[in-house]
């Protein structure tokens, strides 16, 4: 809540509102200071003798260049949303003081910026802390989970017209009009979003509407509150972090990591629908919102370089025409585009610093495993859908993750019910004719050069996690297994090392067939690498 210029009594109706609700006494001196904020409301700090508070009034015409009208009744929905949030997370909103729904007014506690700085101001100043983004993701996911399936909330927040006026039309449909070649895609996203009603959403989860308080994030400006698609809130917030990564110099790495950890913490709370369904909707909305903040009715004010705006248009168009399945995939595409396209634009690249080199690896998003089988009638069905049960994040080497999604034994028939075989696996080396499906995430090799790294502890953890396979590991990670391995790089750039130090780099999407040769895997980059392997047990010659 940052102040602009101060004055006394902007409107007699506002003073009357305070007196009517016993927030001020007749004749008491009140100093009204307009607060900088969004485009849809007037907001004041009111200083009274010995106390301060905030008053907010919705505007019928929003403060943008385009003609953007919206009903002032949204003020009542904002008040109701904040009451909902206060019931479940009291520290997540300011204390609510009084409400006049007919006038489109409400009062709330004033939170001083020295204790509750605006997240946007911190980000734009280069104070980028991924732990703040993680807390935002956790809070947002928790509130969505608390509201999902609540028929009372669905009726109370049936604000489809309001959400259309404030979000669907100015963001998706206005952008469709500006891009005729993408019009059908954007209109389809608008229709899908408008028809999805799963949870109570905030509708404007932007860093300008989030204060970083001593007890965690505080959410403001819920005028767009709607019982609708929770994927919209996730995509809307991540979108802002991606756009800021273009202009906040020297903090690109932290901003992209913030987008990733926000998504990870949010998705851990998703229990109201299959995670893949929500991620797919968020991933397809994200490029639409990127494009909307350049060519919709509310372009962000800090993208002043045409080359930055063109980059957004290029990446967003690519992702709209070929949708990514997850938000993580969108982040990967965006990161690649920044690395390959922004250097000629003239934007300063993040310098490699001790801080970025020594930063702890980003916590891996839980990998999803879908298993099929047959029901009692013999029909094909999904029998399980969730994280890989046999998965280990190593404590001795943060960022190293080992997963065993599946395994088969020699001659074993296909399980008609899709029973999980992995709890019974005692060796990650398959017998001849058996298989092991293994997915590994490797941190940068530099992590093992850290003085805090304990090779002995890592060896013990590896033997506990990967019996059989760990027994064949040489001190430098080279190993030979009696298997044919089908491997694919899922993310990052992995380096395959063979005898005599021969190295072959492999990028995401590259495959390798490992024919029982001595080899090792290296990660010489500064981010994680994820690889998937199917090990097929074979007989050795001779």
Protein backbone atom coordinates (compact mmCIF):
# COMPACT_ATOMS: atom_id res chain seq x y z
CA UNK A 1 0.00 0.00 0.00
CA UNK A 2 2.21 2.82 -1.27
CA UNK A 3 1.19 6.46 -1.00
CA UNK A 4 0.83 9.09 -3.71
CA UNK A 5 0.04 12.73 -2.80
CA UNK A 6 -2.04 13.59 0.29
CA UNK A 7 -5.18 15.65 0.69
CA UNK A 8 -8.14 16.06 3.03
CA UNK A 9 -11.65 14.78 2.33
CA UNK A 10 -11.80 13.69 -1.35
CA UNK A 11 -15.56 13.14 -1.27
CA UNK A 12 -18.13 13.89 1.48
CA UNK A 13 -19.71 10.47 0.87
CA UNK A 14 -16.48 8.78 1.91
CA UNK A 15 -16.33 10.66 5.20
CA UNK A 16 -20.00 9.86 5.80
CA UNK A 17 -19.21 6.17 5.24
CA UNK A 18 -16.59 6.23 8.01
CA UNK A 19 -18.91 8.02 10.42
CA UNK A 20 -21.86 5.71 9.64
CA UNK A 21 -19.75 2.69 10.54
CA UNK A 22 -18.20 4.25 13.66
CA UNK A 23 -14.75 4.33 12.12
CA UNK A 24 -14.54 8.09 12.56
CA UNK A 25 -16.30 10.62 14.74
CA UNK A 26 -18.14 13.71 13.40
CA UNK A 27 -15.78 16.66 13.18
CA UNK A 28 -12.69 14.49 13.60
CA UNK A 29 -9.76 15.48 11.38
CA UNK A 30 -9.05 12.90 8.71
CA UNK A 31 -6.18 13.04 6.23
CA UNK A 32 -6.86 11.15 2.98
CA UNK A 33 -3.89 9.98 0.92
CA UNK A 34 -4.47 8.28 -2.47
CA UNK A 35 -2.58 5.01 -2.71
CA UNK A 36 -1.02 3.74 -5.90
CA UNK A 37 -2.56 0.49 -7.04
CA UNK A 38 -4.48 -1.04 -9.88
CA UNK A 39 -6.66 0.40 -12.60
CA UNK A 40 -10.08 -0.62 -11.34
CA UNK A 41 -10.58 1.23 -8.04
CA UNK A 42 -9.76 4.27 -5.98
CA UNK A 43 -7.86 3.48 -2.78
CA UNK A 44 -7.04 5.81 0.11
CA UNK A 45 -5.08 5.70 3.30
CA UNK A 46 -7.05 7.55 5.96
CA UNK A 47 -5.08 8.92 8.92
CA UNK A 48 -7.21 9.68 11.96
CA UNK A 49 -5.98 10.70 15.41
CA UNK A 50 -3.96 7.74 16.67
CA UNK A 51 -4.98 5.31 13.94
CA UNK A 52 -4.95 4.64 10.20
CA UNK A 53 -7.11 2.58 7.85
CA UNK A 54 -7.80 2.07 4.13
CA UNK A 55 -10.95 2.79 2.12
CA UNK A 56 -11.54 1.30 -1.31
CA UNK A 57 -14.16 2.29 -3.91
CA UNK A 58 -14.76 0.47 -7.20
CA UNK A 59 -14.78 2.45 -10.47
CA UNK A 60 -17.31 1.96 -13.26
CA UNK A 61 -14.69 2.85 -15.92
CA UNK A 62 -11.23 1.49 -15.39
CA UNK A 63 -8.12 3.66 -15.59
CA UNK A 64 -6.71 2.40 -18.88
CA UNK A 65 -6.47 3.87 -22.38
CA UNK A 66 -9.04 1.46 -23.82
CA UNK A 67 -12.76 1.76 -23.05
CA UNK A 68 -13.07 -0.80 -20.26
CA UNK A 69 -16.29 -0.79 -18.25
CA UNK A 70 -17.06 -3.07 -15.29
CA UNK A 71 -19.89 -3.23 -12.71
CA UNK A 72 -19.14 -1.66 -9.31
CA UNK A 73 -20.95 -4.60 -7.66
CA UNK A 74 -17.60 -6.40 -7.85
CA UNK A 75 -16.65 -4.55 -4.66
CA UNK A 76 -19.10 -6.77 -2.74
CA UNK A 77 -17.53 -9.91 -4.19
CA UNK A 78 -14.08 -8.70 -3.21
CA UNK A 79 -15.30 -8.19 0.34
CA UNK A 80 -16.84 -11.67 0.37
CA UNK A 81 -13.66 -13.24 -1.02
CA UNK A 82 -11.55 -11.59 1.68
CA UNK A 83 -13.93 -12.89 4.34
CA UNK A 84 -13.52 -16.39 2.89
CA UNK A 85 -9.71 -16.09 2.92
CA UNK A 86 -9.74 -14.72 6.47
CA UNK A 87 -11.69 -17.76 7.69
CA UNK A 88 -9.05 -20.16 6.43
CA UNK A 89 -5.84 -18.09 6.56
CA UNK A 90 -6.40 -15.01 8.76
CA UNK A 91 -2.99 -13.51 8.02
CA UNK A 92 -3.51 -13.70 4.25
CA UNK A 93 -5.70 -10.56 4.02
CA UNK A 94 -5.92 -7.24 5.91
CA UNK A 95 -8.36 -7.01 8.82
CA UNK A 96 -11.81 -6.14 7.46
CA UNK A 97 -13.57 -3.19 9.11
CA UNK A 98 -16.78 -2.14 7.29
CA UNK A 99 -18.66 -2.55 4.02
CA UNK A 100 -21.31 -0.57 2.11
CA UNK A 101 -22.35 -2.73 -0.86
CA UNK A 102 -24.70 -0.10 -2.34
CA UNK A 103 -21.94 2.50 -2.54
CA UNK A 104 -19.30 -0.02 -3.63
CA UNK A 105 -17.15 0.85 -0.60
CA UNK A 106 -15.31 -1.01 2.11
CA UNK A 107 -12.73 -0.25 4.78
CA UNK A 108 -9.86 -2.42 5.96
CA UNK A 109 -6.77 -2.13 8.10
CA UNK A 110 -3.81 -0.15 6.74
CA UNK A 111 -0.63 -2.22 6.48
CA UNK A 112 2.45 0.04 6.53
CA UNK A 113 4.91 -0.63 3.69
CA UNK A 114 7.91 -0.83 5.99
CA UNK A 115 6.45 -4.06 7.41
CA UNK A 116 4.38 -5.11 4.40
CA UNK A 117 6.24 -4.14 1.22
CA UNK A 118 4.55 -4.71 -2.12
CA UNK A 119 5.97 -7.78 -3.84
CA UNK A 120 6.09 -6.02 -7.21
CA UNK A 121 8.20 -3.19 -5.79
CA UNK A 122 10.64 -5.70 -4.31
CA UNK A 123 10.90 -7.63 -7.57
CA UNK A 124 11.41 -4.56 -9.72
CA UNK A 125 14.14 -3.38 -7.32
CA UNK A 126 15.95 -6.70 -7.75
CA UNK A 127 14.98 -8.16 -4.37
CA UNK A 128 13.89 -11.55 -5.73
CA UNK A 129 13.45 -14.31 -3.17
CA UNK A 130 12.16 -17.67 -4.41
CA UNK A 131 10.94 -18.48 -0.90
CA UNK A 132 8.40 -15.66 -1.24
CA UNK A 133 7.13 -17.16 -4.50
CA UNK A 134 6.92 -20.58 -2.82
CA UNK A 135 4.79 -19.09 -0.03
CA UNK A 136 2.48 -17.48 -2.60
CA UNK A 137 2.06 -20.81 -4.39
CA UNK A 138 1.33 -22.60 -1.13
CA UNK A 139 -1.26 -20.02 -0.06
CA UNK A 140 -3.00 -19.95 -3.41
CA UNK A 141 -3.18 -23.74 -3.64
CA UNK A 142 -4.48 -23.99 -0.07
CA UNK A 143 -7.29 -21.50 -0.66
CA UNK A 144 -8.30 -23.22 -3.89
CA UNK A 145 -8.35 -26.59 -2.13
CA UNK A 146 -10.51 -25.19 0.70
CA UNK A 147 -13.11 -23.93 -1.78
CA UNK A 148 -13.20 -26.77 -4.30
CA UNK A 149 -16.50 -28.60 -4.46
CA UNK A 150 -18.28 -26.11 -2.16
CA UNK A 151 -21.74 -25.63 -3.68
CA UNK A 152 -22.47 -22.70 -1.34
CA UNK A 153 -19.43 -20.79 -2.57
CA UNK A 154 -20.27 -21.71 -6.14
CA UNK A 155 -23.67 -20.05 -5.74
CA UNK A 156 -22.31 -17.04 -3.84
CA UNK A 157 -19.61 -16.37 -6.43
CA UNK A 158 -21.53 -17.07 -9.62
CA UNK A 159 -19.90 -13.91 -10.97
CA UNK A 160 -19.54 -15.00 -14.58
CA UNK A 161 -20.56 -11.61 -16.01
CA UNK A 162 -18.13 -9.78 -13.75
CA UNK A 163 -15.25 -12.13 -14.63
CA UNK A 164 -16.07 -11.82 -18.33
CA UNK A 165 -15.91 -8.02 -18.11
CA UNK A 166 -12.69 -7.95 -16.07
CA UNK A 167 -10.74 -10.90 -17.44
CA UNK A 168 -12.20 -12.88 -20.36
CA UNK A 169 -12.96 -9.91 -22.61
CA UNK A 170 -10.02 -7.55 -21.92
CA UNK A 171 -7.40 -10.29 -21.81
CA UNK A 172 -8.42 -13.17 -24.06
CA UNK A 173 -11.00 -11.75 -26.46
CA UNK A 174 -9.30 -8.38 -26.95
CA UNK A 175 -6.07 -10.22 -27.71
CA UNK A 176 -7.93 -12.46 -30.16
CA UNK A 177 -9.11 -9.33 -31.98
CA UNK A 178 -5.53 -8.04 -32.12
CA UNK A 179 -4.24 -11.36 -33.53
CA UNK A 180 -6.70 -12.70 -36.14
CA UNK A 181 -4.41 -15.64 -36.94
CA UNK A 182 -4.70 -16.80 -33.33
CA UNK A 183 -8.33 -15.80 -32.87
CA UNK A 184 -9.81 -19.30 -32.89
CA UNK A 185 -7.27 -20.56 -30.35
CA UNK A 186 -7.79 -17.64 -27.99
CA UNK A 187 -11.58 -17.76 -28.27
CA UNK A 188 -11.47 -21.48 -27.51
CA UNK A 189 -9.41 -20.76 -24.38
CA UNK A 190 -11.89 -18.06 -23.40
CA UNK A 191 -14.83 -20.46 -23.81
CA UNK A 192 -13.09 -23.24 -21.87
CA UNK A 193 -12.12 -20.92 -19.03
CA UNK A 194 -15.60 -19.41 -18.78
CA UNK A 195 -17.21 -22.85 -18.59
CA UNK A 196 -14.88 -24.31 -15.94
CA UNK A 197 -16.25 -24.04 -12.39
CA UNK A 198 -14.10 -25.92 -9.88
CA UNK A 199 -12.94 -23.56 -7.12
CA UNK A 200 -13.10 -20.00 -5.81
CA UNK A 201 -10.39 -17.96 -7.53
CA UNK A 202 -8.97 -14.54 -6.76
CA UNK A 203 -8.69 -13.52 -10.40
CA UNK A 204 -5.88 -10.96 -10.04
CA UNK A 205 -2.97 -12.75 -8.34
CA UNK A 206 -0.37 -10.25 -9.43
CA UNK A 207 2.73 -9.09 -7.51
CA UNK A 208 1.17 -5.60 -7.27
CA UNK A 209 -1.66 -7.17 -5.25
CA UNK A 210 0.57 -9.13 -2.88
CA UNK A 211 2.24 -7.71 0.21
CA UNK A 212 5.17 -9.56 1.76
CA UNK A 213 4.25 -9.60 5.43
CA UNK A 214 6.08 -10.93 8.49
CA UNK A 215 3.64 -13.87 8.63
CA UNK A 216 3.60 -14.53 4.89
CA UNK A 217 1.94 -13.16 1.76
CA UNK A 218 -1.08 -10.86 2.09
CA UNK A 219 -3.48 -10.81 -0.87
CA UNK A 220 -5.30 -7.66 -1.97
CA UNK A 221 -7.63 -6.57 -4.77
CA UNK A 222 -9.94 -9.55 -5.23
CA UNK A 223 -12.47 -7.68 -7.39
CA UNK A 224 -12.36 -10.47 -9.98
CA UNK A 225 -13.33 -13.18 -7.46
CA UNK A 226 -15.21 -15.96 -9.24
CA UNK A 227 -16.07 -19.59 -8.72
CA UNK A 228 -14.29 -20.82 -11.81
CA UNK A 229 -11.03 -22.21 -13.12
CA UNK A 230 -8.19 -22.32 -10.55
CA UNK A 231 -5.70 -22.75 -13.41
CA UNK A 232 -6.32 -19.09 -14.26
CA UNK A 233 -4.90 -17.85 -10.94
CA UNK A 234 -1.78 -19.99 -11.30
CA UNK A 235 -1.11 -18.92 -14.88
CA UNK A 236 -1.87 -15.26 -14.11
CA UNK A 237 0.75 -15.06 -11.36
CA UNK A 238 3.47 -17.07 -13.13
CA UNK A 239 2.93 -14.83 -16.16
CA UNK A 240 4.06 -11.76 -14.20
CA UNK A 241 7.29 -13.44 -13.08
CA UNK A 242 8.14 -14.39 -16.66
CA UNK A 243 7.54 -10.88 -17.96
CA UNK A 244 9.68 -9.36 -15.22
CA UNK A 245 12.54 -11.69 -16.15
CA UNK A 246 12.91 -9.57 -19.30
CA UNK A 247 13.55 -6.30 -17.49
CA UNK A 248 14.89 -6.93 -13.96
CA UNK A 249 18.61 -6.99 -14.65
CA UNK A 250 20.83 -9.45 -12.87
CA UNK A 251 17.96 -11.43 -11.35
CA UNK A 252 16.73 -13.51 -14.26
CA UNK A 253 17.83 -16.79 -12.67
CA UNK A 254 16.01 -16.02 -9.43
CA UNK A 255 12.84 -14.89 -11.23
CA UNK A 256 12.67 -18.05 -13.29
CA UNK A 257 13.32 -20.14 -10.22
CA UNK A 258 10.56 -18.22 -8.43
CA UNK A 259 8.12 -19.11 -11.21
CA UNK A 260 9.12 -22.75 -10.90
CA UNK A 261 8.88 -23.04 -7.11
CA UNK A 262 5.58 -21.15 -7.02
CA UNK A 263 4.16 -23.71 -9.44
CA UNK A 264 5.63 -26.63 -7.49
CA UNK A 265 4.24 -25.50 -4.14
CA UNK A 266 0.86 -24.79 -5.70
CA UNK A 267 0.58 -28.16 -7.44
CA UNK A 268 1.37 -30.00 -4.20
CA UNK A 269 -2.01 -28.76 -2.89
CA UNK A 270 -4.07 -29.86 -5.89
CA UNK A 271 -6.44 -32.58 -4.68
CA UNK A 272 -9.72 -31.58 -6.30
CA UNK A 273 -8.96 -32.86 -9.81
CA UNK A 274 -6.22 -34.81 -11.62
CA UNK A 275 -3.07 -32.71 -11.54
CA UNK A 276 -2.42 -33.25 -15.24
CA UNK A 277 -5.76 -31.71 -16.16
CA UNK A 278 -5.10 -28.53 -14.19
CA UNK A 279 -1.52 -28.25 -15.43
CA UNK A 280 -2.66 -28.62 -19.03
CA UNK A 281 -5.15 -25.77 -18.66
CA UNK A 282 -2.63 -23.52 -16.90
CA UNK A 283 0.05 -24.28 -19.49
CA UNK A 284 -2.26 -23.34 -22.36
CA UNK A 285 -3.50 -20.17 -20.61
CA UNK A 286 -0.02 -18.92 -19.77
CA UNK A 287 1.04 -17.96 -23.34
CA UNK A 288 -2.36 -16.37 -23.92
CA UNK A 289 -1.83 -14.19 -20.84
CA UNK A 290 1.72 -13.36 -21.91
CA UNK A 291 0.36 -12.09 -25.21
CA UNK A 292 -2.50 -10.28 -23.47
CA UNK A 293 -0.09 -8.22 -21.38
CA UNK A 294 1.41 -6.91 -24.63
CA UNK A 295 -1.60 -6.63 -26.96
CA UNK A 296 -4.67 -6.83 -24.71
CA UNK A 297 -6.48 -3.98 -22.96
CA UNK A 298 -4.09 -3.88 -19.99
CA UNK A 299 -0.47 -4.04 -21.25
CA UNK A 300 2.21 -4.04 -18.55
CA UNK A 301 3.84 -0.66 -18.21
CA UNK A 302 7.44 -1.85 -17.91
CA UNK A 303 7.79 -3.55 -21.31
CA UNK A 304 8.88 -0.41 -23.15
CA UNK A 305 11.31 -2.03 -25.61
CA UNK A 306 9.67 -3.19 -28.85
CA UNK A 307 12.18 -6.03 -29.03
CA UNK A 308 10.98 -7.38 -25.68
CA UNK A 309 7.37 -7.18 -26.81
CA UNK A 310 8.26 -8.96 -30.04
CA UNK A 311 9.95 -11.72 -28.04
CA UNK A 312 6.77 -12.18 -26.00
CA UNK A 313 4.70 -12.34 -29.20
CA UNK A 314 7.03 -14.89 -30.77
CA UNK A 315 7.18 -17.26 -27.79
CA UNK A 316 3.47 -16.91 -26.98
CA UNK A 317 2.46 -17.62 -30.58
CA UNK A 318 4.67 -20.71 -30.66
CA UNK A 319 3.14 -22.05 -27.45
CA UNK A 320 -0.43 -21.26 -28.47
CA UNK A 321 -0.03 -23.17 -31.72
CA UNK A 322 1.78 -26.10 -30.07
CA UNK A 323 0.56 -26.18 -26.44
CA UNK A 324 2.93 -27.45 -23.77
CA UNK A 325 1.53 -30.12 -21.40
CA UNK A 326 2.75 -28.53 -18.15
CA UNK A 327 3.74 -25.17 -16.73
CA UNK A 328 7.25 -26.54 -16.29
CA UNK A 329 7.41 -27.12 -20.05
CA UNK A 330 6.30 -23.52 -20.68
CA UNK A 331 9.05 -22.32 -18.34
CA UNK A 332 11.56 -24.42 -20.25
CA UNK A 333 10.50 -22.92 -23.57
CA UNK A 334 10.63 -19.40 -22.11
CA UNK A 335 14.08 -19.98 -20.61
CA UNK A 336 15.40 -21.30 -23.90
CA UNK A 337 13.98 -18.29 -25.74
CA UNK A 338 15.61 -15.88 -23.29
CA UNK A 339 18.96 -17.55 -23.74
CA UNK A 340 18.86 -17.64 -27.52
CA UNK A 341 16.99 -14.45 -28.43
CA UNK A 342 17.52 -11.74 -25.87
CA UNK A 343 21.29 -11.25 -26.21
CA UNK A 344 20.98 -9.47 -29.61
CA UNK A 345 18.13 -7.38 -28.25
CA UNK A 346 20.50 -5.52 -25.98
CA UNK A 347 19.10 -6.65 -22.66
CA UNK A 348 21.90 -7.31 -20.18
CA UNK A 349 22.28 -10.98 -19.35
CA UNK A 350 22.56 -12.27 -15.80
CA UNK A 351 26.26 -12.46 -14.91
CA UNK A 352 27.48 -15.70 -13.34
CA UNK A 353 27.90 -14.85 -9.67
CA UNK A 354 28.90 -16.77 -6.59
CA UNK A 355 25.28 -16.48 -5.48
CA UNK A 356 23.90 -18.19 -8.59
CA UNK A 357 26.65 -20.81 -8.65
CA UNK A 358 26.13 -21.82 -5.05
CA UNK A 359 22.33 -21.58 -4.96
CA UNK A 360 20.61 -24.71 -3.77
CA UNK A 361 19.01 -26.76 -6.53
CA UNK A 362 15.34 -26.14 -7.21
CA UNK A 363 13.21 -28.77 -5.52
CA UNK A 364 11.96 -31.17 -8.14
CA UNK A 365 8.28 -31.25 -8.93
CA UNK A 366 6.85 -34.67 -8.13
CA UNK A 367 6.77 -36.80 -11.27
CA UNK A 368 3.34 -38.17 -12.12
CA UNK A 369 2.79 -41.84 -12.90
CA UNK A 370 -0.39 -43.11 -14.59
CA UNK A 371 -0.93 -46.90 -14.54
CA UNK A 372 -3.59 -48.71 -16.56
CA UNK A 373 -5.22 -52.08 -16.06
CA UNK A 374 -8.58 -53.77 -16.45
CA UNK A 375 -11.70 -53.69 -14.35
CA UNK A 376 -13.84 -56.70 -13.48
CA UNK A 377 -15.56 -56.48 -16.86
CA UNK A 378 -12.26 -56.55 -18.73
CA UNK A 379 -12.44 -52.90 -19.78
CA UNK A 380 -9.26 -50.82 -19.86
CA UNK A 381 -9.13 -48.31 -17.01
CA UNK A 382 -6.69 -46.12 -15.12
CA UNK A 383 -5.94 -47.96 -11.89
CA UNK A 384 -3.62 -45.38 -10.33
CA UNK A 385 -2.66 -41.78 -11.00
CA UNK A 386 -0.22 -39.97 -8.75
CA UNK A 387 3.42 -39.42 -7.81
CA UNK A 388 5.99 -42.18 -8.36
CA UNK A 389 5.80 -44.10 -5.04
CA UNK A 390 9.40 -45.31 -5.10
CA UNK A 391 11.17 -41.99 -5.33
CA UNK A 392 14.02 -40.58 -3.26
CA UNK A 393 15.41 -37.07 -3.01
CA UNK A 394 18.94 -37.51 -1.69
CA UNK A 395 19.89 -35.54 1.43
CA UNK A 396 23.61 -36.17 0.91
CA UNK A 397 23.49 -34.52 -2.54
CA UNK A 398 20.61 -32.02 -2.81
CA UNK A 399 19.09 -32.06 -6.27
CA UNK A 400 19.85 -35.76 -6.90
CA UNK A 401 16.54 -37.61 -7.31
CA UNK A 402 16.14 -41.33 -8.04
CA UNK A 403 12.82 -42.84 -9.16
CA UNK A 404 11.74 -46.37 -10.01
CA UNK A 405 8.35 -46.00 -11.75
CA UNK A 406 8.05 -49.67 -12.86
CA UNK A 407 9.76 -53.04 -13.18
CA UNK A 408 9.09 -56.47 -14.68
CA UNK A 409 10.59 -59.85 -13.87
CA UNK A 410 11.60 -62.52 -16.42
CA UNK A 411 8.62 -64.46 -17.70
CA UNK A 412 6.13 -62.62 -15.46
CA UNK A 413 2.69 -62.17 -17.08
CA UNK A 414 1.13 -58.74 -17.48
CA UNK A 415 -0.83 -57.87 -14.35
CA UNK A 416 -4.48 -57.40 -15.36
CA UNK A 417 -5.07 -55.15 -12.35
CA UNK A 418 -1.90 -53.07 -12.75
CA UNK A 419 -0.50 -54.01 -9.34
CA UNK A 420 2.62 -52.01 -8.48
CA UNK A 421 5.69 -54.30 -8.61
CA UNK A 422 8.22 -51.76 -7.33
CA UNK A 423 7.86 -52.41 -3.56
CA UNK A 424 9.11 -55.98 -4.15
CA UNK A 425 12.17 -54.97 -6.18
CA UNK A 426 15.37 -55.83 -4.28
CA UNK A 427 17.85 -54.98 -7.03
CA UNK A 428 17.81 -52.26 -9.67
CA UNK A 429 19.74 -54.62 -11.94
CA UNK A 430 17.20 -56.74 -13.85
CA UNK A 431 17.77 -60.44 -14.42
CA UNK A 432 18.01 -61.55 -18.07
CA UNK A 433 14.60 -60.84 -19.60
CA UNK A 434 13.58 -58.50 -16.78
CA UNK A 435 13.31 -54.70 -16.94
CA UNK A 436 13.77 -51.67 -14.73
CA UNK A 437 12.34 -48.25 -15.57
CA UNK A 438 14.53 -45.63 -13.84
CA UNK A 439 14.30 -41.82 -13.94
CA UNK A 440 17.19 -39.81 -12.49
CA UNK A 441 17.65 -36.09 -11.89
CA UNK A 442 21.28 -35.02 -11.57
CA UNK A 443 22.41 -31.74 -10.03
CA UNK A 444 25.35 -29.90 -11.62
CA UNK A 445 28.69 -31.69 -11.20
CA UNK A 446 29.86 -28.62 -9.29
CA UNK A 447 27.66 -29.73 -6.38
CA UNK A 448 30.10 -32.57 -5.71
CA UNK A 449 32.96 -30.08 -5.50
CA UNK A 450 31.25 -28.26 -2.66
CA UNK A 451 33.24 -28.65 0.59
CA UNK A 452 30.02 -29.71 2.30
CA UNK A 453 29.61 -32.72 0.00
CA UNK A 454 30.31 -36.03 1.79
CA UNK A 455 31.12 -38.81 -0.75
CA UNK A 456 30.82 -41.51 1.90
CA UNK A 457 27.34 -40.36 2.92
CA UNK A 458 26.33 -40.22 -0.73
CA UNK A 459 27.63 -43.74 -1.26
CA UNK A 460 25.62 -45.05 1.67
CA UNK A 461 22.45 -43.35 0.43
CA UNK A 462 23.01 -44.68 -3.09
CA UNK A 463 23.38 -48.26 -1.81
CA UNK A 464 20.17 -47.89 0.21
CA UNK A 465 18.28 -46.50 -2.80
CA UNK A 466 19.77 -48.45 -5.69
CA UNK A 467 20.82 -51.93 -4.52
CA UNK A 468 22.59 -53.95 -7.20
CA UNK A 469 23.29 -50.94 -9.39
CA UNK A 470 25.19 -49.06 -6.66
CA UNK A 471 27.50 -52.07 -6.20
CA UNK A 472 28.85 -51.53 -9.72
CA UNK A 473 29.63 -47.83 -9.33
CA UNK A 474 33.26 -46.76 -9.49
CA UNK A 475 34.39 -43.76 -7.41
CA UNK A 476 34.02 -41.40 -10.39
CA UNK A 477 30.54 -42.68 -11.31
CA UNK A 478 31.64 -44.85 -14.23
CA UNK A 479 29.91 -48.25 -14.28
CA UNK A 480 29.15 -51.28 -16.45
CA UNK A 481 25.87 -53.18 -16.25
CA UNK A 482 24.79 -56.46 -17.92
CA UNK A 483 21.91 -54.67 -19.60
CA UNK A 484 20.80 -52.98 -22.77
CA UNK A 485 19.55 -49.54 -21.76
CA UNK A 486 17.13 -47.38 -23.70
CA UNK A 487 17.70 -43.83 -22.50
CA UNK A 488 16.21 -40.42 -23.25
CA UNK A 489 17.13 -37.00 -21.91
CA UNK A 490 13.97 -35.35 -20.56
CA UNK A 491 15.44 -32.00 -19.52
CA UNK A 492 18.79 -30.25 -19.59
CA UNK A 493 22.01 -31.28 -21.32
CA UNK A 494 23.62 -34.53 -20.18
CA UNK A 495 27.13 -35.63 -21.12
CA UNK A 496 27.72 -39.35 -21.76
CA UNK A 497 31.30 -40.34 -20.91
CA UNK A 498 32.82 -43.58 -22.25
CA UNK A 499 36.29 -45.12 -22.00
CA UNK A 500 39.33 -42.88 -22.54
CA UNK A 501 37.30 -39.80 -21.59
CA UNK A 502 35.26 -39.75 -24.80
CA UNK A 503 32.26 -37.47 -24.16
CA UNK A 504 29.00 -36.99 -26.09
CA UNK A 505 26.57 -34.21 -25.08
CA UNK A 506 22.86 -35.07 -25.31
CA UNK A 507 20.03 -32.52 -25.15
CA UNK A 508 16.37 -32.89 -24.19
CA UNK A 509 14.73 -35.31 -26.61
CA UNK A 510 17.97 -37.10 -27.58
CA UNK A 511 18.10 -40.86 -27.06
CA UNK A 512 20.94 -43.27 -26.37
CA UNK A 513 21.16 -47.05 -26.66
CA UNK A 514 23.62 -48.35 -24.08
CA UNK A 515 24.90 -51.80 -25.04
CA UNK A 516 26.49 -52.98 -21.82
CA UNK A 517 29.40 -50.55 -22.12
CA UNK A 518 31.36 -48.84 -19.36
CA UNK A 519 30.00 -45.33 -19.03
CA UNK A 520 29.13 -42.45 -16.74
CA UNK A 521 26.76 -39.47 -16.83
CA UNK A 522 27.93 -35.89 -16.28
CA UNK A 523 26.08 -32.62 -15.78
CA UNK A 524 28.44 -29.81 -16.68
CA UNK A 525 25.76 -27.11 -16.75
CA UNK A 526 24.39 -24.95 -13.96
CA UNK A 527 20.90 -26.51 -13.74
CA UNK A 528 19.42 -29.98 -13.21
CA UNK A 529 19.39 -32.73 -15.83
CA UNK A 530 16.68 -35.40 -15.92
CA UNK A 531 17.11 -38.70 -17.77
CA UNK A 532 14.85 -41.74 -18.16
CA UNK A 533 16.14 -45.27 -18.77
CA UNK A 534 14.64 -48.68 -19.43
CA UNK A 535 17.20 -51.31 -18.41
CA UNK A 536 16.69 -54.69 -20.07
CA UNK A 537 18.53 -57.58 -18.46
CA UNK A 538 20.72 -59.60 -20.86
CA UNK A 539 23.11 -62.52 -20.84
CA UNK A 540 26.78 -61.61 -21.15
CA UNK A 541 28.73 -63.14 -24.02
CA UNK A 542 31.11 -65.92 -22.96
